[in-house]
């Protein structure tokens, strides 16, 4: 039921208007003056206010500002006995949905009410979606209780309140985009766009077009003007994932944008402005990349104002259990299954696994396990083969200070750097490919 508040000091007119509105199925609440009208607003969820302009205790045009300040989603239609252009203009400036003359415009009231209700409904829906997004990406929804994760969250909370550029580093699958979203949602840009672009997904030409946009006819296939992500992110946040993969020529152009807040779309000659907050992410060591001249050192220093390194899952074992239970609940619900229990041995196998794919890999493993489970409990037999048959000796029992542990971690880092290319990994490690495969098997690295 939609609630309509009618504020008018003329009882007969108020009652007549109330009956007309009620006949359309709306709930009507009445008030004879502004003071009692405001109380009704505080006591009820009012969708639309029909308010007379001339009232014993004030002017409806001025009262409109008070309504909008306290109840921004409520729409107001002002009614007056005598049309006044200046009042009408001021009413619209103050946020009125419309301004109509009593008697002459009675036939307009009901159509206007429906339009106002439609706008209120849309505004409420947008507000609910914004809240859902905010809840989804708040720091409170980042799951884990390890000291390492708590320190990272604390750093992210502090930088979120600023406009500083943030560089998120860490292995693939650690949740860098989740942190980028949380930083955005807890910043002054939260009600603006969060625009994400993965720099490793496109060729140089397409990436340039995606970033800077282009004019119609700028190149073959450019059939119309296109806004780039830099322009779309104006007043919001631009998240550039895998920025270490960006070609050097584009790095120079991006640096120019960061220094001037200006860019030129492909095929255009006129600079445009965009004021955005940049968050970048990479699984590469950009310091080493810049020293090797594979990444511009000036851009690296511009990005590295505030670096947050998200540790791999194997270094925060305490986070595995809460993540497991979260994903079990999520995927059980998704396939309409009763929430499954987790066997202690099942959890133990996950806690001693080395997780080269980090949280993303854990999520996939749990989704698969929930689908395969036949009983009310998750047991080891629904885990991937390599997890079922791994030995504790090859993983958890290895001392963090042993040479084996150091070697295993180094091999894993190089393997991540080459994105799983074993031939390139062996070359960088300066060992034979057969030796690499033996060590991968020995340390149970996938």
Protein backbone atom coordinates (compact mmCIF):
# COMPACT_ATOMS: atom_id res chain seq x y z
CA UNK A 1 0.00 0.00 0.00
CA UNK A 2 1.38 3.42 -1.00
CA UNK A 3 1.01 6.19 1.61
CA UNK A 4 -0.03 9.67 0.49
CA UNK A 5 0.09 12.60 2.91
CA UNK A 6 -2.26 15.53 2.18
CA UNK A 7 -1.45 18.82 3.95
CA UNK A 8 -4.16 21.48 3.56
CA UNK A 9 -5.86 23.79 6.08
CA UNK A 10 -9.19 23.71 4.21
CA UNK A 11 -10.90 20.66 5.70
CA UNK A 12 -13.53 20.21 2.95
CA UNK A 13 -10.99 20.44 0.12
CA UNK A 14 -8.62 18.14 2.02
CA UNK A 15 -11.40 15.60 2.53
CA UNK A 16 -12.50 15.76 -1.11
CA UNK A 17 -8.95 15.28 -2.35
CA UNK A 18 -8.51 12.43 0.14
CA UNK A 19 -11.56 10.59 -1.23
CA UNK A 20 -10.31 10.99 -4.81
CA UNK A 21 -6.89 9.60 -3.88
CA UNK A 22 -8.39 6.74 -1.80
CA UNK A 23 -10.54 5.70 -4.76
CA UNK A 24 -7.31 4.81 -6.58
CA UNK A 25 -6.34 2.38 -3.82
CA UNK A 26 -3.84 4.59 -2.00
CA UNK A 27 -3.63 4.95 1.79
CA UNK A 28 -4.36 8.59 2.72
CA UNK A 29 -3.08 10.46 5.78
CA UNK A 30 -4.23 14.02 6.42
CA UNK A 31 -2.77 17.04 8.22
CA UNK A 32 -4.12 20.63 8.55
CA UNK A 33 -0.76 22.42 8.87
CA UNK A 34 2.98 22.03 8.40
CA UNK A 35 3.79 21.18 12.03
CA UNK A 36 1.37 18.26 12.22
CA UNK A 37 2.31 17.30 8.64
CA UNK A 38 5.94 16.89 9.64
CA UNK A 39 4.92 14.69 12.60
CA UNK A 40 2.97 12.47 10.20
CA UNK A 41 6.11 12.17 8.07
CA UNK A 42 8.12 11.09 11.12
CA UNK A 43 5.48 8.54 12.16
CA UNK A 44 4.71 6.99 8.76
CA UNK A 45 6.55 5.82 5.67
CA UNK A 46 5.19 8.46 3.28
CA UNK A 47 5.74 8.06 -0.45
CA UNK A 48 4.20 11.29 -1.78
CA UNK A 49 3.13 14.54 -0.11
CA UNK A 50 0.36 16.71 -1.60
CA UNK A 51 0.94 20.05 0.11
CA UNK A 52 -0.83 23.40 -0.11
CA UNK A 53 1.48 26.38 -0.62
CA UNK A 54 -0.31 28.84 1.73
CA UNK A 55 -0.74 27.39 5.24
CA UNK A 56 -1.35 28.97 8.67
CA UNK A 57 2.13 28.15 9.98
CA UNK A 58 4.26 28.63 6.90
CA UNK A 59 4.85 28.33 3.19
CA UNK A 60 4.79 24.98 1.39
CA UNK A 61 7.64 26.01 -0.95
CA UNK A 62 9.96 26.56 2.04
CA UNK A 63 8.63 23.45 3.83
CA UNK A 64 9.59 21.42 0.77
CA UNK A 65 13.28 21.93 1.58
CA UNK A 66 12.77 20.53 5.09
CA UNK A 67 11.01 17.44 3.69
CA UNK A 68 13.78 16.79 1.17
CA UNK A 69 16.50 17.26 3.81
CA UNK A 70 14.92 14.73 6.16
CA UNK A 71 13.12 12.36 3.76
CA UNK A 72 15.03 12.52 0.47
CA UNK A 73 13.10 9.64 -1.15
CA UNK A 74 9.69 11.25 -0.56
CA UNK A 75 8.26 13.16 -3.51
CA UNK A 76 6.28 16.39 -3.05
CA UNK A 77 3.55 17.86 -5.26
CA UNK A 78 2.67 21.44 -4.32
CA UNK A 79 -0.88 22.76 -4.64
CA UNK A 80 -1.81 26.45 -4.85
CA UNK A 81 -5.06 28.39 -5.25
CA UNK A 82 -3.35 30.98 -7.45
CA UNK A 83 -0.66 30.21 -10.00
CA UNK A 84 2.54 32.14 -9.35
CA UNK A 85 5.46 31.77 -11.75
CA UNK A 86 8.17 32.74 -9.26
CA UNK A 87 6.78 30.31 -6.63
CA UNK A 88 6.58 27.58 -9.25
CA UNK A 89 10.19 28.12 -10.32
CA UNK A 90 11.42 28.14 -6.71
CA UNK A 91 9.37 25.02 -5.92
CA UNK A 92 11.06 23.08 -8.73
CA UNK A 93 14.48 24.34 -7.62
CA UNK A 94 13.73 23.12 -4.09
CA UNK A 95 13.01 19.64 -5.42
CA UNK A 96 9.23 19.55 -5.98
CA UNK A 97 7.98 16.77 -8.23
CA UNK A 98 5.45 19.25 -9.66
CA UNK A 99 3.55 22.48 -8.89
CA UNK A 100 -0.14 22.67 -9.87
CA UNK A 101 -3.12 25.00 -9.47
CA UNK A 102 -6.12 23.73 -7.45
CA UNK A 103 -9.35 23.37 -9.38
CA UNK A 104 -7.86 24.07 -12.81
CA UNK A 105 -5.49 21.08 -12.62
CA UNK A 106 -7.55 18.55 -10.60
CA UNK A 107 -7.52 16.12 -13.52
CA UNK A 108 -3.72 16.11 -13.37
CA UNK A 109 -3.43 15.00 -9.73
CA UNK A 110 -3.98 11.24 -10.14
CA UNK A 111 -1.67 10.84 -13.20
CA UNK A 112 0.95 12.89 -11.34
CA UNK A 113 0.59 10.68 -8.26
CA UNK A 114 1.25 7.55 -10.30
CA UNK A 115 4.34 9.13 -11.87
CA UNK A 116 5.61 10.27 -8.48
CA UNK A 117 5.02 6.80 -6.99
CA UNK A 118 6.93 5.25 -9.88
CA UNK A 119 9.88 7.56 -9.20
CA UNK A 120 9.81 6.76 -5.46
CA UNK A 121 9.75 3.02 -6.22
CA UNK A 122 12.74 3.36 -8.54
CA UNK A 123 14.70 5.44 -6.03
CA UNK A 124 14.07 2.90 -3.27
CA UNK A 125 15.17 0.07 -5.55
CA UNK A 126 18.41 1.90 -6.39
CA UNK A 127 19.00 2.53 -2.68
CA UNK A 128 18.53 -1.16 -1.90
CA UNK A 129 20.95 -2.15 -4.66
CA UNK A 130 23.53 0.35 -3.42
CA UNK A 131 23.21 -1.04 0.10
CA UNK A 132 23.53 -4.61 -1.18
CA UNK A 133 26.70 -3.68 -3.09
CA UNK A 134 28.07 -1.81 -0.07
CA UNK A 135 27.35 -4.79 2.20
CA UNK A 136 28.94 -7.17 -0.32
CA UNK A 137 32.19 -5.23 -0.49
CA UNK A 138 32.56 -3.88 3.04
CA UNK A 139 35.66 -4.81 5.04
CA UNK A 140 33.42 -6.74 7.43
CA UNK A 141 32.64 -9.24 4.68
CA UNK A 142 36.31 -10.14 4.10
CA UNK A 143 36.55 -13.56 5.71
CA UNK A 144 39.44 -14.64 7.89
CA UNK A 145 40.90 -14.28 11.37
CA UNK A 146 44.65 -14.58 10.82
CA UNK A 147 46.93 -11.85 12.11
CA UNK A 148 48.29 -11.32 8.58
CA UNK A 149 44.83 -10.66 7.15
CA UNK A 150 43.88 -8.35 10.03
CA UNK A 151 46.99 -6.25 9.36
CA UNK A 152 46.14 -5.98 5.66
CA UNK A 153 42.54 -4.95 6.42
CA UNK A 154 43.78 -2.33 8.88
CA UNK A 155 46.05 -0.81 6.22
CA UNK A 156 43.26 -0.85 3.64
CA UNK A 157 40.83 0.87 6.04
CA UNK A 158 43.33 3.66 6.68
CA UNK A 159 44.07 4.38 3.02
CA UNK A 160 40.39 4.09 2.02
CA UNK A 161 39.67 7.40 3.74
CA UNK A 162 42.19 9.20 1.52
CA UNK A 163 42.43 9.84 -2.23
CA UNK A 164 45.89 8.25 -2.47
CA UNK A 165 46.76 5.83 -5.26
CA UNK A 166 46.93 2.25 -3.95
CA UNK A 167 49.03 -0.62 -5.30
CA UNK A 168 47.74 -4.07 -4.31
CA UNK A 169 50.33 -6.82 -4.67
CA UNK A 170 50.16 -10.56 -4.14
CA UNK A 171 49.76 -13.84 -5.92
CA UNK A 172 46.90 -14.59 -8.27
CA UNK A 173 43.71 -15.52 -6.44
CA UNK A 174 44.46 -13.79 -3.12
CA UNK A 175 41.51 -11.40 -3.46
CA UNK A 176 43.04 -8.17 -4.71
CA UNK A 177 39.85 -7.06 -6.49
CA UNK A 178 37.81 -7.75 -3.33
CA UNK A 179 40.12 -5.38 -1.43
CA UNK A 180 39.90 -2.80 -4.24
CA UNK A 181 36.09 -2.87 -4.05
CA UNK A 182 36.15 -2.59 -0.25
CA UNK A 183 38.51 0.42 -0.41
CA UNK A 184 36.19 2.09 -2.92
CA UNK A 185 33.03 1.41 -0.89
CA UNK A 186 34.64 2.91 2.22
CA UNK A 187 35.94 6.03 0.47
CA UNK A 188 34.47 9.41 -0.42
CA UNK A 189 33.95 7.99 -3.95
CA UNK A 190 31.56 5.27 -2.74
CA UNK A 191 28.49 6.74 -4.44
CA UNK A 192 30.34 7.04 -7.77
CA UNK A 193 31.47 4.47 -10.33
CA UNK A 194 33.90 1.63 -9.61
CA UNK A 195 35.35 0.73 -13.01
CA UNK A 196 37.56 -2.38 -13.31
CA UNK A 197 39.81 -3.32 -16.23
CA UNK A 198 42.16 -6.33 -16.48
CA UNK A 199 45.23 -5.21 -18.41
CA UNK A 200 46.25 -8.77 -19.32
CA UNK A 201 43.02 -9.50 -21.20
CA UNK A 202 43.50 -7.31 -24.28
CA UNK A 203 46.02 -6.59 -27.00
CA UNK A 204 47.80 -3.22 -26.87
CA UNK A 205 45.44 -1.62 -29.43
CA UNK A 206 42.24 -2.80 -27.75
CA UNK A 207 43.54 -1.96 -24.28
CA UNK A 208 44.33 1.59 -25.42
CA UNK A 209 40.79 1.97 -26.77
CA UNK A 210 39.28 0.52 -23.59
CA UNK A 211 41.29 2.92 -21.43
CA UNK A 212 41.12 6.16 -23.41
CA UNK A 213 38.09 5.66 -25.64
CA UNK A 214 37.98 6.59 -29.31
CA UNK A 215 36.24 8.80 -31.86
CA UNK A 216 34.14 7.44 -34.68
CA UNK A 217 36.36 6.53 -37.64
CA UNK A 218 39.58 6.51 -35.56
CA UNK A 219 40.35 3.00 -36.85
CA UNK A 220 38.69 0.17 -38.75
CA UNK A 221 35.66 -0.95 -36.77
CA UNK A 222 35.27 2.33 -34.84
CA UNK A 223 31.71 2.92 -36.03
CA UNK A 224 30.79 5.32 -33.24
CA UNK A 225 32.32 7.33 -30.40
CA UNK A 226 33.24 5.21 -27.37
CA UNK A 227 33.91 6.36 -23.82
CA UNK A 228 37.00 4.84 -22.26
CA UNK A 229 37.29 3.49 -18.72
CA UNK A 230 39.24 6.59 -17.65
CA UNK A 231 36.29 8.80 -18.59
CA UNK A 232 33.76 6.38 -17.09
CA UNK A 233 35.65 6.51 -13.78
CA UNK A 234 35.40 10.31 -13.45
CA UNK A 235 34.83 11.21 -9.76
CA UNK A 236 34.95 7.49 -8.94
CA UNK A 237 37.57 4.73 -8.79
CA UNK A 238 39.52 3.14 -11.64
CA UNK A 239 40.83 -0.34 -10.81
CA UNK A 240 43.56 -1.61 -13.14
CA UNK A 241 44.16 -5.29 -12.48
CA UNK A 242 47.38 -6.99 -13.64
CA UNK A 243 48.92 -3.59 -14.41
CA UNK A 244 52.30 -5.28 -14.79
CA UNK A 245 51.04 -6.63 -18.13
CA UNK A 246 50.40 -3.16 -19.58
CA UNK A 247 52.59 -2.39 -22.66
CA UNK A 248 55.31 0.22 -22.09
CA UNK A 249 53.81 2.69 -24.62
CA UNK A 250 50.51 2.73 -22.71
CA UNK A 251 52.32 3.05 -19.40
CA UNK A 252 53.69 6.42 -20.59
CA UNK A 253 50.19 7.60 -21.54
CA UNK A 254 48.73 6.45 -18.22
CA UNK A 255 51.47 8.29 -16.32
CA UNK A 256 50.55 11.47 -18.18
CA UNK A 257 46.90 11.06 -17.16
CA UNK A 258 47.85 10.55 -13.51
CA UNK A 259 49.97 13.70 -13.55
CA UNK A 260 47.51 15.99 -15.36
CA UNK A 261 44.07 14.36 -15.01
CA UNK A 262 43.78 14.84 -18.78
CA UNK A 263 43.58 12.33 -21.62
CA UNK A 264 42.89 12.32 -25.37
CA UNK A 265 40.64 9.65 -26.91
CA UNK A 266 42.07 7.84 -29.94
CA UNK A 267 41.38 9.88 -33.08
CA UNK A 268 40.60 13.06 -31.14
CA UNK A 269 42.70 16.21 -30.70
CA UNK A 270 40.91 17.81 -27.77
CA UNK A 271 42.00 16.80 -24.25
CA UNK A 272 39.34 15.70 -21.75
CA UNK A 273 39.51 15.79 -17.97
CA UNK A 274 38.84 12.93 -15.58
CA UNK A 275 39.35 13.10 -11.83
CA UNK A 276 39.49 9.58 -10.46
CA UNK A 277 41.11 7.54 -7.71
CA UNK A 278 43.43 4.82 -9.05
CA UNK A 279 43.83 1.41 -7.48
CA UNK A 280 46.22 -0.92 -9.31
CA UNK A 281 46.98 -4.59 -8.72
CA UNK A 282 49.68 -6.98 -9.86
CA UNK A 283 51.12 -10.41 -9.11
CA UNK A 284 54.51 -9.26 -10.41
CA UNK A 285 57.33 -7.59 -8.48
CA UNK A 286 57.15 -4.18 -10.16
CA UNK A 287 60.41 -3.03 -8.55
CA UNK A 288 62.26 -5.92 -10.19
CA UNK A 289 60.31 -5.37 -13.42
CA UNK A 290 61.30 -1.68 -13.50
CA UNK A 291 64.95 -2.53 -12.79
CA UNK A 292 64.83 -4.96 -15.72
CA UNK A 293 63.24 -2.19 -17.88
CA UNK A 294 60.06 -4.22 -18.39
CA UNK A 295 58.02 -1.64 -16.46
CA UNK A 296 58.50 2.13 -16.37
CA UNK A 297 60.23 3.14 -13.16
CA UNK A 298 58.52 6.56 -13.13
CA UNK A 299 55.09 4.90 -13.32
CA UNK A 300 56.12 2.39 -10.63
CA UNK A 301 57.04 5.22 -8.25
CA UNK A 302 53.77 6.99 -9.11
CA UNK A 303 51.78 3.83 -8.33
CA UNK A 304 53.72 2.83 -5.24
CA UNK A 305 52.45 5.63 -3.02
CA UNK A 306 50.72 3.12 -0.75
CA UNK A 307 51.43 -0.57 -1.33
CA UNK A 308 49.39 -3.31 0.32
CA UNK A 309 50.69 -6.85 -0.05
CA UNK A 310 48.04 -9.52 0.38
CA UNK A 311 49.73 -12.67 1.70
CA UNK A 312 49.05 -16.05 0.03
CA UNK A 313 46.59 -18.43 1.66
CA UNK A 314 49.34 -20.88 2.69
CA UNK A 315 50.75 -18.15 4.96
CA UNK A 316 47.42 -17.61 6.74
CA UNK A 317 46.20 -21.09 7.54
CA UNK A 318 43.82 -19.74 10.21
CA UNK A 319 41.71 -18.25 7.42
CA UNK A 320 41.05 -21.59 5.73
CA UNK A 321 38.40 -22.90 8.18
CA UNK A 322 36.17 -19.77 8.12
CA UNK A 323 36.52 -19.57 4.32
CA UNK A 324 35.56 -23.24 3.98
CA UNK A 325 32.42 -22.82 6.09
CA UNK A 326 31.46 -19.66 4.17
CA UNK A 327 31.81 -21.37 0.77
CA UNK A 328 30.02 -24.51 1.99
CA UNK A 329 27.01 -22.40 3.09
CA UNK A 330 27.07 -20.42 -0.16
CA UNK A 331 27.20 -23.38 -2.53
CA UNK A 332 24.81 -25.53 -0.50
CA UNK A 333 22.25 -22.73 -0.73
CA UNK A 334 22.91 -22.22 -4.45
CA UNK A 335 21.92 -25.80 -5.30
CA UNK A 336 19.14 -26.03 -2.67
CA UNK A 337 21.06 -28.48 -0.54
CA UNK A 338 20.94 -28.71 3.22
CA UNK A 339 24.07 -27.02 4.60
CA UNK A 340 26.72 -29.72 4.89
CA UNK A 341 28.89 -30.49 7.90
CA UNK A 342 32.68 -30.51 7.46
CA UNK A 343 34.66 -33.59 8.50
CA UNK A 344 37.79 -32.84 10.57
CA UNK A 345 40.02 -34.87 8.23
CA UNK A 346 38.52 -33.00 5.22
CA UNK A 347 39.45 -29.68 6.84
CA UNK A 348 42.91 -30.96 7.82
CA UNK A 349 43.70 -31.90 4.22
CA UNK A 350 42.79 -28.36 3.16
CA UNK A 351 44.90 -26.80 5.89
CA UNK A 352 48.06 -28.68 4.91
CA UNK A 353 47.63 -28.07 1.17
CA UNK A 354 49.90 -25.36 -0.33
CA UNK A 355 47.17 -23.53 -2.36
CA UNK A 356 49.01 -22.20 -5.42
CA UNK A 357 45.68 -20.73 -6.63
CA UNK A 358 44.93 -19.23 -3.20
CA UNK A 359 41.34 -18.29 -2.21
CA UNK A 360 40.09 -18.67 -5.79
CA UNK A 361 41.32 -22.28 -5.87
CA UNK A 362 39.78 -23.01 -2.45
CA UNK A 363 36.45 -21.64 -3.65
CA UNK A 364 36.51 -23.95 -6.68
CA UNK A 365 37.46 -26.98 -4.59
CA UNK A 366 34.58 -26.38 -2.16
CA UNK A 367 32.05 -25.83 -4.96
CA UNK A 368 33.08 -29.17 -6.50
CA UNK A 369 32.97 -30.93 -3.13
CA UNK A 370 29.46 -29.67 -2.33
CA UNK A 371 28.20 -30.89 -5.70
CA UNK A 372 29.79 -34.35 -5.26
CA UNK A 373 28.75 -34.88 -1.63
CA UNK A 374 26.14 -37.63 -1.21
CA UNK A 375 25.75 -37.45 2.57
CA UNK A 376 25.26 -34.61 5.03
CA UNK A 377 28.99 -34.28 5.65
CA UNK A 378 31.98 -33.37 3.49
CA UNK A 379 34.64 -36.06 3.63
CA UNK A 380 38.07 -36.48 2.06
CA UNK A 381 36.74 -38.63 -0.79
CA UNK A 382 35.13 -35.59 -2.50
CA UNK A 383 38.44 -33.71 -2.66
CA UNK A 384 40.64 -33.72 -5.78
CA UNK A 385 42.95 -36.75 -6.02
CA UNK A 386 46.17 -34.83 -5.26
CA UNK A 387 44.67 -33.43 -2.05
CA UNK A 388 43.41 -36.82 -0.89
CA UNK A 389 46.84 -38.40 -1.29
CA UNK A 390 49.13 -35.58 -0.18
CA UNK A 391 51.31 -36.31 2.83
CA UNK A 392 51.66 -34.02 5.79
CA UNK A 393 55.44 -34.40 5.45
CA UNK A 394 55.39 -32.71 2.06
CA UNK A 395 53.44 -29.73 3.30
CA UNK A 396 52.55 -28.68 6.82
CA UNK A 397 55.29 -30.43 8.77
CA UNK A 398 58.02 -28.72 6.72
CA UNK A 399 59.75 -26.10 8.85
CA UNK A 400 59.33 -22.56 7.58
CA UNK A 401 63.11 -22.09 8.12
CA UNK A 402 64.32 -25.29 6.42
CA UNK A 403 66.15 -25.16 3.07
CA UNK A 404 63.42 -27.33 1.57
CA UNK A 405 60.79 -24.81 2.61
CA UNK A 406 62.75 -21.91 1.15
CA UNK A 407 63.36 -23.81 -2.10
CA UNK A 408 59.69 -24.80 -2.38
CA UNK A 409 58.52 -21.21 -1.83
CA UNK A 410 61.01 -19.87 -4.39
CA UNK A 411 59.95 -22.40 -7.02
CA UNK A 412 56.30 -21.51 -6.39
CA UNK A 413 56.99 -17.79 -6.77
CA UNK A 414 58.85 -18.28 -10.06
CA UNK A 415 56.10 -20.59 -11.31
CA UNK A 416 53.51 -17.92 -10.46
CA UNK A 417 55.66 -15.30 -12.21
CA UNK A 418 55.72 -17.36 -15.43
CA UNK A 419 51.99 -18.13 -15.07
CA UNK A 420 52.65 -21.87 -14.93
CA UNK A 421 55.10 -22.01 -17.87
CA UNK A 422 57.38 -24.82 -16.68
CA UNK A 423 60.00 -24.42 -19.44
CA UNK A 424 60.39 -20.70 -18.62
CA UNK A 425 60.40 -21.51 -14.88
CA UNK A 426 63.26 -24.01 -15.36
CA UNK A 427 65.20 -21.43 -17.42
CA UNK A 428 64.84 -18.72 -14.76
CA UNK A 429 65.79 -21.17 -12.00
CA UNK A 430 68.78 -22.31 -14.13
CA UNK A 431 67.91 -25.99 -13.73
CA UNK A 432 66.92 -28.70 -16.17
CA UNK A 433 63.26 -29.30 -16.96
CA UNK A 434 63.53 -32.86 -15.58
CA UNK A 435 64.92 -31.50 -12.31
CA UNK A 436 62.04 -29.03 -12.11
CA UNK A 437 59.43 -31.77 -12.59
CA UNK A 438 61.12 -33.88 -9.89
CA UNK A 439 61.03 -30.99 -7.43
CA UNK A 440 57.41 -30.16 -8.30
CA UNK A 441 56.53 -33.76 -7.49
CA UNK A 442 58.66 -33.76 -4.33
CA UNK A 443 57.03 -30.59 -2.96
CA UNK A 444 53.57 -31.45 -4.31
CA UNK A 445 53.41 -28.23 -6.36
CA UNK A 446 50.74 -28.30 -9.08
